[in-house]
């Protein structure tokens, strides 16, 4: 249980939710158009992209992706990350959008976004 508590604290102090959503919006911007018949075709509006993120269930995502991704990080390393983010007031860069991820998080998150985008096609 200590591992889960530390992951929760890391998510909070690192502004992980906001950073993940920022990554998601940037990813969706790259998917808003497709190139078809020598033309750019819009497949997603900004409002639709924002709707996808506003409906994203971060709590469920944290339970099946983030806990899994950070489960192999030692408690000592999690404590170090927490201390680092607290020292930096949650921001590694001024925009605050730099966050730690791995293939589990990126694959699951982009998979969710791609599935949601398909609903608008």
Protein backbone atom coordinates (compact mmCIF):
# COMPACT_ATOMS: atom_id res chain seq x y z
CA UNK A 1 0.00 0.00 0.00
CA UNK A 2 2.93 2.38 0.58
CA UNK A 3 3.79 2.17 -3.14
CA UNK A 4 0.25 3.24 -4.14
CA UNK A 5 0.28 6.08 -1.62
CA UNK A 6 3.61 7.32 -2.97
CA UNK A 7 2.37 7.11 -6.55
CA UNK A 8 -0.73 9.10 -5.57
CA UNK A 9 1.45 11.74 -3.93
CA UNK A 10 3.72 11.89 -6.97
CA UNK A 11 0.72 12.32 -9.28
CA UNK A 12 -0.49 15.19 -7.13
CA UNK A 13 2.78 17.11 -6.63
CA UNK A 14 3.87 16.70 -10.26
CA UNK A 15 0.57 17.97 -11.69
CA UNK A 16 0.49 14.70 -13.60
CA UNK A 17 -3.18 14.92 -14.55
CA UNK A 18 -2.74 18.32 -16.15
CA UNK A 19 0.46 17.29 -17.92
CA UNK A 20 -1.15 14.14 -19.29
CA UNK A 21 -4.12 16.14 -20.58
CA UNK A 22 -1.74 18.66 -22.17
CA UNK A 23 0.04 15.79 -23.88
CA UNK A 24 -3.36 14.46 -24.97
CA UNK A 25 -4.42 17.76 -26.50
CA UNK A 26 -1.13 18.06 -28.39
CA UNK A 27 -1.53 14.49 -29.60
CA UNK A 28 -5.09 15.19 -30.75
CA UNK A 29 -3.97 18.31 -32.62
CA UNK A 30 -1.67 16.03 -34.61
CA UNK A 31 -4.68 13.80 -35.38
CA UNK A 32 -7.19 16.55 -36.27
CA UNK A 33 -6.41 16.33 -39.97
CA UNK A 34 -5.63 13.53 -42.32
CA UNK A 35 -4.15 13.75 -45.77
CA UNK A 36 -6.59 12.31 -48.29
CA UNK A 37 -6.72 12.73 -52.08
CA UNK A 38 -3.93 15.32 -51.93
CA UNK A 39 -5.90 17.45 -49.44
CA UNK A 40 -5.95 17.99 -45.70
CA UNK A 41 -9.28 16.81 -44.34
CA UNK A 42 -10.40 17.83 -40.85
CA UNK A 43 -11.55 14.82 -38.86
CA UNK A 44 -11.85 16.43 -35.44
CA UNK A 45 -12.81 19.91 -34.23
CA UNK A 46 -11.18 21.65 -31.29
CA UNK A 47 -14.46 21.28 -29.39
CA UNK A 48 -14.54 17.54 -30.04
CA UNK A 49 -10.93 17.21 -28.87
CA UNK A 50 -11.70 19.14 -25.69
CA UNK A 51 -14.76 16.95 -25.14
CA UNK A 52 -12.65 13.80 -25.39
CA UNK A 53 -10.33 15.10 -22.68
CA UNK A 54 -13.11 16.40 -20.44
CA UNK A 55 -14.72 12.94 -20.50
CA UNK A 56 -11.43 11.17 -19.79
CA UNK A 57 -11.61 9.20 -16.53
CA UNK A 58 -8.21 9.92 -15.02
CA UNK A 59 -8.99 8.04 -11.82
CA UNK A 60 -9.64 4.79 -13.70
CA UNK A 61 -6.62 5.42 -15.94
CA UNK A 62 -4.43 5.92 -12.88
CA UNK A 63 -5.59 2.62 -11.44
CA UNK A 64 -4.85 0.51 -14.51
CA UNK A 65 -1.98 2.39 -16.20
CA UNK A 66 -0.15 4.72 -13.88
CA UNK A 67 0.03 2.33 -10.93
CA UNK A 68 1.24 -0.34 -13.33
CA UNK A 69 3.82 1.95 -14.93
CA UNK A 70 5.24 3.18 -11.63
CA UNK A 71 5.02 -0.12 -9.76
CA UNK A 72 8.59 -0.98 -10.68
CA UNK A 73 9.92 2.34 -9.35
CA UNK A 74 11.36 1.82 -5.90
CA UNK A 75 9.82 3.58 -2.92
CA UNK A 76 13.10 5.47 -2.43
CA UNK A 77 13.05 6.70 -6.02
CA UNK A 78 9.40 7.72 -5.73
CA UNK A 79 10.25 9.68 -2.59
CA UNK A 80 13.09 11.36 -4.48
CA UNK A 81 10.77 12.28 -7.35
CA UNK A 82 8.20 13.66 -4.92
CA UNK A 83 10.86 15.73 -3.17
CA UNK A 84 12.14 17.02 -6.53
CA UNK A 85 8.68 18.09 -7.71
CA UNK A 86 7.88 19.68 -4.35
CA UNK A 87 11.15 21.61 -4.52
CA UNK A 88 10.29 22.80 -8.02
CA UNK A 89 6.70 23.58 -7.03
CA UNK A 90 5.45 20.89 -9.44
CA UNK A 91 7.09 22.33 -12.54
CA UNK A 92 10.28 21.18 -14.20
CA UNK A 93 9.81 23.83 -16.89
CA UNK A 94 7.86 27.12 -16.81
CA UNK A 95 4.84 25.71 -18.64
CA UNK A 96 4.75 22.77 -16.23
CA UNK A 97 4.13 20.37 -19.10
CA UNK A 98 7.10 18.08 -18.65
CA UNK A 99 6.16 14.78 -17.10
CA UNK A 100 7.57 11.31 -16.65
CA UNK A 101 5.97 8.58 -18.75
CA UNK A 102 6.66 5.18 -20.20
CA UNK A 103 5.30 2.93 -22.93
CA UNK A 104 2.42 1.63 -20.78
CA UNK A 105 1.12 5.13 -20.13
CA UNK A 106 1.61 6.43 -23.66
CA UNK A 107 0.20 3.32 -25.35
CA UNK A 108 -2.88 3.19 -23.14
CA UNK A 109 -3.53 6.93 -23.29
CA UNK A 110 -3.09 7.28 -27.06
CA UNK A 111 -5.15 4.11 -27.52
CA UNK A 112 -7.98 5.74 -25.56
CA UNK A 113 -7.71 8.94 -27.62
CA UNK A 114 -7.59 7.07 -30.94
CA UNK A 115 -10.70 5.07 -29.96
CA UNK A 116 -12.54 8.27 -29.06
CA UNK A 117 -11.46 10.00 -32.30
CA UNK A 118 -12.84 7.06 -34.30
CA UNK A 119 -16.29 7.80 -32.84
CA UNK A 120 -16.24 11.17 -34.64
CA UNK A 121 -15.19 9.82 -38.03
